[in-house]
Amino acid sequence: MKQPFPFSAIVGQSDMKRAMILTAIDPSIGGVLVFGDRGTGKSTAVRALAALLPPIKAVKTCPVNSERAIDCPNWANVTTKKTHEIPTPVVDLPLGASEDRVTGALDIEKALANGEKAFQPGLLAQANRGYLYIDEVNLLEDHIVDLLLDVAQSGENVIEREGLSIRHAARFVLVGSGNPEEGELRPQLLDRFGLSVDVASPTNIEERIEVIKRRDAYENNHAAFMLRWQAEDAALRDQILSARKTLRKLKTPDSSLRDVAELCLKLGSDGLRGELTLLKAARAYAALRDDTAMGRKHIRDVAGLVLRHRLRRDPLDDAGSGTRVTRVVEEVLGA
């Protein structure tokens, strides 16, 4: 099986790559929504990022990738305290997946063979401490959307049915992609994504040629291509790990809090989730740059990612949400 395409080798798409790196530094930012054309590297990027990250330590045989034996759910009957390293999980949630497939359900084989009620974990268990990727997220069935909203809010998957009462940790970075022409995303789910990005196929001929070259090398000269990008991916991995440490001691001046609040108020974003997410994203970006304190530059550079999908539609304003965010950022924070 081939290794995923190197993250550093993805041509262009700087906003998408930045958004994904920020969630790797601070997963509590809340995931990434990527809207745009097919074939623009959306699924490639999430798998490349997960492969880029260091492996996670997990208890052997634990179905929810718990780091410590004490965190393994009782229903799993894990009898070992031994741990091993596994790649950061990346789990695909197919559009047609049933609720049982997503949350987990009664293990029919054990029920028929032994007459016992046992739990068969679902996709949410597999995705714990990793990434849950949904392609065409705007076409997801409503009841699955509601389920994901509950789990994303609580960080826990709870199943109460068929005589089972099961719960387990389900903390993951949600990455959704889709084409806006095929349907809009429900506002309740849209708001749960910390960051959003619009991607498009490159219009520059040289950039398109470079995309073709790299993909062709990946397919036909795999070992040499992976070796070529190994050092850059390793450097980015070190940068992310360093940023995680920097984040814990980063200073956040009161003036930055005021800037964040004023910006969200002026844009009219609903609730306070916009402020909190903008604060986290700006802090993560400051940590990525190895700065000691968060400032206006960091807020300015991530504001579009955080706020463009949180704006109410203004029938009197023909400008797109990205343009509106840019305009208000310049008014509040300066050009």
Protein backbone atom coordinates (compact mmCIF):
# COMPACT_ATOMS: atom_id res chain seq x y z
CA MET A 1 0.00 0.00 0.00
CA LYS A 2 1.38 3.40 -1.02
CA GLN A 3 2.11 6.06 1.56
CA PRO A 4 -0.20 9.10 1.35
CA PHE A 5 0.87 12.00 -0.86
CA PRO A 6 3.32 14.26 1.05
CA PHE A 7 1.65 17.30 2.61
CA SER A 8 4.53 19.58 1.66
CA ALA A 9 4.22 18.51 -1.99
CA ILE A 10 0.66 19.83 -2.39
CA VAL A 11 0.85 22.71 -4.87
CA GLY A 12 -0.82 26.00 -3.86
CA GLN A 13 -4.01 25.80 -1.75
CA SER A 14 -2.30 27.82 0.99
CA ASP A 15 -5.53 28.59 2.90
CA MET A 16 -6.54 24.93 3.03
CA LYS A 17 -3.09 23.83 4.20
CA ARG A 18 -2.94 26.59 6.81
CA ALA A 19 -6.38 25.70 8.16
CA MET A 20 -5.45 22.04 8.54
CA ILE A 21 -2.14 22.84 10.20
CA LEU A 22 -3.91 25.08 12.72
CA THR A 23 -6.28 22.27 13.71
CA ALA A 24 -3.28 19.95 14.11
CA ILE A 25 -1.77 22.45 16.56
CA ASP A 26 -5.03 22.94 18.46
CA PRO A 27 -7.75 20.36 17.68
CA SER A 28 -10.24 22.27 19.85
CA ILE A 29 -10.50 24.87 17.04
CA GLY A 30 -13.24 22.62 15.71
CA GLY A 31 -12.45 21.18 12.31
CA VAL A 32 -12.26 22.39 8.73
CA LEU A 33 -14.91 22.78 6.03
CA VAL A 34 -13.52 22.79 2.48
CA PHE A 35 -15.86 23.84 -0.33
CA GLY A 36 -14.84 23.83 -3.95
CA ASP A 37 -14.30 22.02 -7.22
CA ARG A 38 -13.72 18.31 -7.47
CA GLY A 39 -10.11 17.24 -7.87
CA THR A 40 -8.60 20.13 -5.91
CA GLY A 41 -6.80 17.97 -3.33
CA LYS A 42 -9.31 18.09 -0.48
CA SER A 43 -9.15 14.44 0.56
CA THR A 44 -5.46 14.27 -0.38
CA ALA A 45 -4.68 17.08 2.08
CA VAL A 46 -6.39 15.52 5.11
CA ARG A 47 -4.75 12.14 4.56
CA ALA A 48 -1.39 13.82 3.94
CA LEU A 49 -1.66 15.82 7.17
CA ALA A 50 -2.56 12.77 9.25
CA ALA A 51 0.42 10.91 7.76
CA LEU A 52 2.62 13.91 8.50
CA LEU A 53 1.72 13.96 12.20
CA PRO A 54 3.62 11.75 14.64
CA PRO A 55 1.95 8.45 15.59
CA ILE A 56 -0.22 8.41 18.70
CA LYS A 57 0.29 6.12 21.68
CA ALA A 58 -2.72 3.83 22.23
CA VAL A 59 -3.53 0.86 24.44
CA LYS A 60 -3.33 -2.41 22.52
CA THR A 61 -6.76 -3.88 21.62
CA CYS A 62 -8.59 -0.73 22.78
CA PRO A 63 -11.27 -0.03 20.16
CA VAL A 64 -11.30 3.73 20.83
CA ASN A 65 -7.53 4.36 20.72
CA SER A 66 -7.28 5.31 24.42
CA GLU A 67 -3.88 6.56 25.52
CA ARG A 68 -4.10 4.97 29.01
CA ALA A 69 -5.68 1.72 30.18
CA ILE A 70 -7.81 3.62 32.69
CA ASP A 71 -9.45 5.48 29.78
CA CYS A 72 -10.55 2.30 27.97
CA PRO A 73 -14.34 1.83 28.19
CA ASN A 74 -15.56 -0.98 30.47
CA TRP A 75 -17.57 -2.63 27.70
CA ALA A 76 -14.38 -3.21 25.68
CA ASN A 77 -13.01 -5.66 28.31
CA VAL A 78 -9.43 -4.55 27.64
CA THR A 79 -7.16 -6.66 29.86
CA THR A 80 -3.76 -5.20 28.99
CA LYS A 81 -2.00 -2.01 29.94
CA LYS A 82 0.52 -2.33 27.12
CA THR A 83 0.57 0.47 24.57
CA HIS A 84 1.84 0.74 21.04
CA GLU A 85 2.15 3.49 18.46
CA ILE A 86 -0.42 3.76 15.69
CA PRO A 87 -0.77 6.28 12.83
CA THR A 88 -3.09 9.21 13.53
CA PRO A 89 -6.52 7.77 12.58
CA VAL A 90 -8.27 9.06 9.46
CA VAL A 91 -11.78 7.63 9.10
CA ASP A 92 -14.09 8.18 6.10
CA LEU A 93 -17.79 8.63 6.81
CA PRO A 94 -19.64 7.51 3.64
CA LEU A 95 -22.80 9.38 2.64
CA GLY A 96 -24.94 6.26 2.80
CA ALA A 97 -23.69 5.10 6.21
CA SER A 98 -26.42 3.97 8.60
CA GLU A 99 -26.68 5.30 12.14
CA ASP A 100 -25.52 1.91 13.47
CA ARG A 101 -22.43 2.06 11.27
CA VAL A 102 -21.59 5.52 12.58
CA THR A 103 -22.31 5.11 16.30
CA GLY A 104 -21.92 1.36 16.73
CA ALA A 105 -24.56 -1.27 17.47
CA LEU A 106 -25.32 -4.69 18.88
CA ASP A 107 -22.84 -7.35 17.71
CA ILE A 108 -25.23 -9.69 15.90
CA GLU A 109 -22.69 -12.54 15.59
CA LYS A 110 -22.13 -12.75 19.35
CA ALA A 111 -25.82 -12.33 20.02
CA LEU A 112 -26.71 -15.29 17.77
CA ALA A 113 -23.76 -17.50 18.72
CA ASN A 114 -23.59 -16.93 22.45
CA GLY A 115 -26.83 -15.16 23.30
CA GLU A 116 -24.89 -12.25 24.81
CA LYS A 117 -25.38 -8.54 24.25
CA ALA A 118 -22.08 -7.18 23.02
CA PHE A 119 -21.25 -3.84 21.41
CA GLN A 120 -19.74 -3.52 17.94
CA PRO A 121 -17.95 -0.13 17.77
CA GLY A 122 -18.65 2.21 14.84
CA LEU A 123 -16.84 4.89 12.89
CA LEU A 124 -16.89 7.37 15.78
CA ALA A 125 -14.89 4.95 17.93
CA GLN A 126 -12.33 4.47 15.17
CA ALA A 127 -11.96 8.23 14.68
CA ASN A 128 -11.29 9.04 18.34
CA ARG A 129 -8.06 11.09 18.67
CA GLY A 130 -7.85 11.45 14.90
CA TYR A 131 -9.77 12.82 11.91
CA LEU A 132 -13.29 12.09 10.69
CA TYR A 133 -13.53 12.95 7.00
CA ILE A 134 -16.86 13.48 5.22
CA ASP A 135 -16.88 14.03 1.48
CA GLU A 136 -19.99 15.80 0.11
CA VAL A 137 -20.87 16.79 3.68
CA ASN A 138 -23.68 19.03 2.37
CA LEU A 139 -25.50 15.90 1.14
CA LEU A 140 -25.36 14.12 4.50
CA GLU A 141 -28.70 12.86 5.84
CA ASP A 142 -30.32 15.06 8.50
CA HIS A 143 -30.41 12.44 11.26
CA ILE A 144 -26.67 11.76 10.82
CA VAL A 145 -26.04 15.52 10.95
CA ASP A 146 -27.96 15.76 14.24
CA LEU A 147 -25.98 12.85 15.64
CA LEU A 148 -22.65 14.42 14.68
CA LEU A 149 -23.71 17.73 16.25
CA ASP A 150 -24.35 16.02 19.58
CA VAL A 151 -21.06 14.12 19.55
CA ALA A 152 -19.02 17.11 18.37
CA GLN A 153 -20.47 19.17 21.22
CA SER A 154 -19.90 16.62 24.00
CA GLY A 155 -16.84 14.71 22.80
CA GLU A 156 -18.66 11.54 23.77
CA ASN A 157 -20.70 8.98 21.86
CA VAL A 158 -23.72 7.66 23.80
CA ILE A 159 -25.86 4.73 22.60
CA GLU A 160 -29.06 3.80 24.42
CA ARG A 161 -30.99 1.12 22.53
CA GLU A 162 -31.62 -2.60 22.15
CA GLY A 163 -30.93 -3.08 25.84
CA LEU A 164 -27.48 -1.53 25.47
CA SER A 165 -26.25 1.48 27.41
CA ILE A 166 -22.86 2.38 25.97
CA ARG A 167 -20.64 5.44 26.02
CA HIS A 168 -17.12 6.16 24.88
CA ALA A 169 -14.85 9.10 24.05
CA ALA A 170 -15.25 10.47 20.53
CA ARG A 171 -12.96 13.45 20.12
CA PHE A 172 -11.86 14.06 16.57
CA VAL A 173 -11.14 16.81 14.08
CA LEU A 174 -14.07 16.92 11.69
CA VAL A 175 -13.09 17.65 8.08
CA GLY A 176 -15.89 18.09 5.59
CA SER A 177 -15.70 18.80 1.89
CA GLY A 178 -18.27 19.44 -0.78
CA ASN A 179 -19.40 21.34 -3.83
CA PRO A 180 -21.72 24.29 -2.97
CA GLU A 181 -23.54 23.84 -6.28
CA GLU A 182 -24.89 20.48 -5.02
CA GLY A 183 -26.66 21.88 -1.97
CA GLU A 184 -26.10 24.08 1.06
CA LEU A 185 -25.02 22.93 4.49
CA ARG A 186 -27.44 23.17 7.40
CA PRO A 187 -26.58 26.26 9.53
CA GLN A 188 -26.37 24.15 12.71
CA LEU A 189 -23.59 22.00 11.23
CA LEU A 190 -21.94 24.89 9.39
CA ASP A 191 -21.41 26.69 12.70
CA ARG A 192 -19.71 23.63 14.22
CA PHE A 193 -16.79 23.85 11.82
CA GLY A 194 -14.10 26.06 13.27
CA LEU A 195 -12.60 27.05 9.93
CA SER A 196 -13.85 27.16 6.36
CA VAL A 197 -11.95 27.36 3.10
CA ASP A 198 -12.99 27.89 -0.52
CA VAL A 199 -10.72 26.07 -2.97
CA ALA A 200 -10.55 26.19 -6.75
CA SER A 201 -8.57 24.60 -9.52
CA PRO A 202 -5.42 26.62 -10.29
CA THR A 203 -5.77 29.05 -13.17
CA ASN A 204 -2.04 29.58 -13.63
CA ILE A 205 -0.67 27.30 -16.36
CA GLU A 206 2.70 26.81 -14.63
CA GLU A 207 0.96 25.80 -11.40
CA ARG A 208 -1.23 23.29 -13.23
CA ILE A 209 1.83 21.78 -14.92
CA GLU A 210 3.55 21.44 -11.53
CA VAL A 211 0.49 19.63 -10.10
CA ILE A 212 0.57 17.16 -12.99
CA LYS A 213 4.34 16.62 -12.63
CA ARG A 214 4.16 15.88 -8.92
CA ARG A 215 1.16 13.58 -9.17
CA ASP A 216 2.79 11.69 -12.04
CA ALA A 217 6.02 11.29 -10.04
CA TYR A 218 4.03 10.07 -7.03
CA GLU A 219 2.27 7.44 -9.14
CA ASN A 220 5.19 6.24 -11.26
CA ASN A 221 8.35 6.90 -9.23
CA HIS A 222 6.93 6.58 -5.76
CA ALA A 223 10.01 5.80 -3.66
CA ALA A 224 12.12 8.61 -5.11
CA PHE A 225 9.25 11.09 -4.87
CA MET A 226 8.60 10.30 -1.19
CA LEU A 227 12.31 10.60 -0.45
CA ARG A 228 12.40 13.99 -2.21
CA TRP A 229 9.74 15.44 0.15
CA GLN A 230 10.68 13.57 3.31
CA ALA A 231 12.81 16.37 4.76
CA GLU A 232 10.19 19.08 4.19
CA ASP A 233 7.45 17.00 5.80
CA ALA A 234 9.75 16.27 8.75
CA ALA A 235 10.50 19.98 9.18
CA LEU A 236 6.77 20.80 9.13
CA ARG A 237 6.10 18.03 11.67
CA ASP A 238 8.72 19.52 14.00
CA GLN A 239 7.18 22.96 13.51
CA ILE A 240 3.73 21.66 14.51
CA LEU A 241 5.09 19.87 17.59
CA SER A 242 7.02 22.98 18.61
CA ALA A 243 3.90 25.13 18.13
CA ARG A 244 1.92 22.83 20.45
CA LYS A 245 4.46 23.54 23.20
CA THR A 246 4.58 27.28 22.43
CA LEU A 247 0.79 27.45 22.60
CA ARG A 248 0.77 26.61 26.32
CA LYS A 249 2.86 29.64 27.25
CA LEU A 250 1.67 32.12 24.61
CA LYS A 251 0.57 35.53 25.90
CA THR A 252 -2.82 36.95 24.92
CA PRO A 253 -3.01 40.73 25.54
CA ASP A 254 -6.35 42.31 26.50
CA SER A 255 -6.03 44.48 23.40
CA SER A 256 -6.21 41.34 21.23
CA LEU A 257 -9.35 40.19 23.03
CA ARG A 258 -10.89 43.58 22.31
CA ASP A 259 -9.90 43.33 18.63
CA VAL A 260 -11.50 39.88 18.36
CA ALA A 261 -14.74 41.00 20.02
CA GLU A 262 -14.99 44.22 18.02
CA LEU A 263 -14.38 42.41 14.74
CA CYS A 264 -17.10 39.80 15.38
CA LEU A 265 -19.54 42.44 16.62
CA LYS A 266 -19.02 44.60 13.55
CA LEU A 267 -19.53 41.60 11.24
CA GLY A 268 -22.69 40.59 13.10
CA SER A 269 -21.68 36.94 13.62
CA ASP A 270 -24.20 35.01 15.71
CA GLY A 271 -23.35 33.95 19.26
CA LEU A 272 -19.87 33.90 20.76
CA ARG A 273 -18.49 30.84 18.98
CA GLY A 274 -16.92 33.12 16.36
CA GLU A 275 -14.93 35.05 18.98
CA LEU A 276 -13.77 31.92 20.77
CA THR A 277 -12.72 30.19 17.56
CA LEU A 278 -10.97 33.30 16.23
CA LEU A 279 -9.05 33.54 19.50
CA LYS A 280 -7.94 29.90 19.30
CA ALA A 281 -7.01 30.10 15.62
CA ALA A 282 -5.02 33.33 16.05
CA ARG A 283 -3.19 31.84 19.02
CA ALA A 284 -2.37 28.67 17.07
CA TYR A 285 -1.11 30.79 14.17
CA ALA A 286 1.08 32.85 16.51
CA ALA A 287 2.48 29.61 17.95
CA LEU A 288 3.15 28.30 14.43
CA ARG A 289 5.18 31.44 13.72
CA ASP A 290 7.00 30.94 17.06
CA ASP A 291 5.85 34.34 18.32
CA THR A 292 5.62 34.96 22.06
CA ALA A 293 2.32 36.85 22.04
CA MET A 294 -0.79 37.02 19.91
CA GLY A 295 -1.34 40.25 18.00
CA ARG A 296 -3.26 41.96 15.22
CA LYS A 297 -1.27 40.30 12.43
CA HIS A 298 -2.32 36.87 13.62
CA ILE A 299 -5.98 37.87 13.91
CA ARG A 300 -5.91 39.48 10.47
CA ASP A 301 -4.38 36.43 8.79
CA VAL A 302 -6.91 33.91 10.13
CA ALA A 303 -10.08 36.04 10.32
CA GLY A 304 -11.31 34.95 6.88
CA LEU A 305 -10.92 31.25 7.74
CA VAL A 306 -12.90 31.65 10.96
CA LEU A 307 -15.64 34.11 10.05
CA ARG A 308 -16.62 33.84 6.39
CA HIS A 309 -19.06 30.97 7.04
CA ARG A 310 -20.60 32.59 10.12
CA LEU A 311 -22.04 35.71 8.51
CA ARG A 312 -25.74 36.29 8.05
CA ARG A 313 -26.73 37.01 4.48
CA ASP A 314 -27.23 40.66 3.74
CA PRO A 315 -29.61 41.17 0.78
CA LEU A 316 -28.36 44.75 0.41
CA ASP A 317 -24.72 43.71 0.10
CA ASP A 318 -23.67 42.02 -3.16
CA ALA A 319 -20.15 41.29 -1.91
CA GLY A 320 -19.30 37.71 -0.98
CA SER A 321 -18.66 36.79 2.65
CA GLY A 322 -14.88 36.71 2.13
CA THR A 323 -14.92 40.24 0.75
CA ARG A 324 -17.07 41.45 3.64
CA VAL A 325 -14.67 39.94 6.18
CA THR A 326 -11.67 41.56 4.46
CA ARG A 327 -13.41 44.94 4.40
CA VAL A 328 -14.35 44.87 8.07
CA VAL A 329 -10.91 43.57 9.12
CA GLU A 330 -9.35 46.57 7.41
CA GLU A 331 -11.82 48.93 9.14
CA VAL A 332 -11.21 47.46 12.62
CA LEU A 333 -7.57 46.38 12.49
CA GLY A 334 -6.16 48.55 9.73
CA ALA A 335 -4.89 47.55 6.30
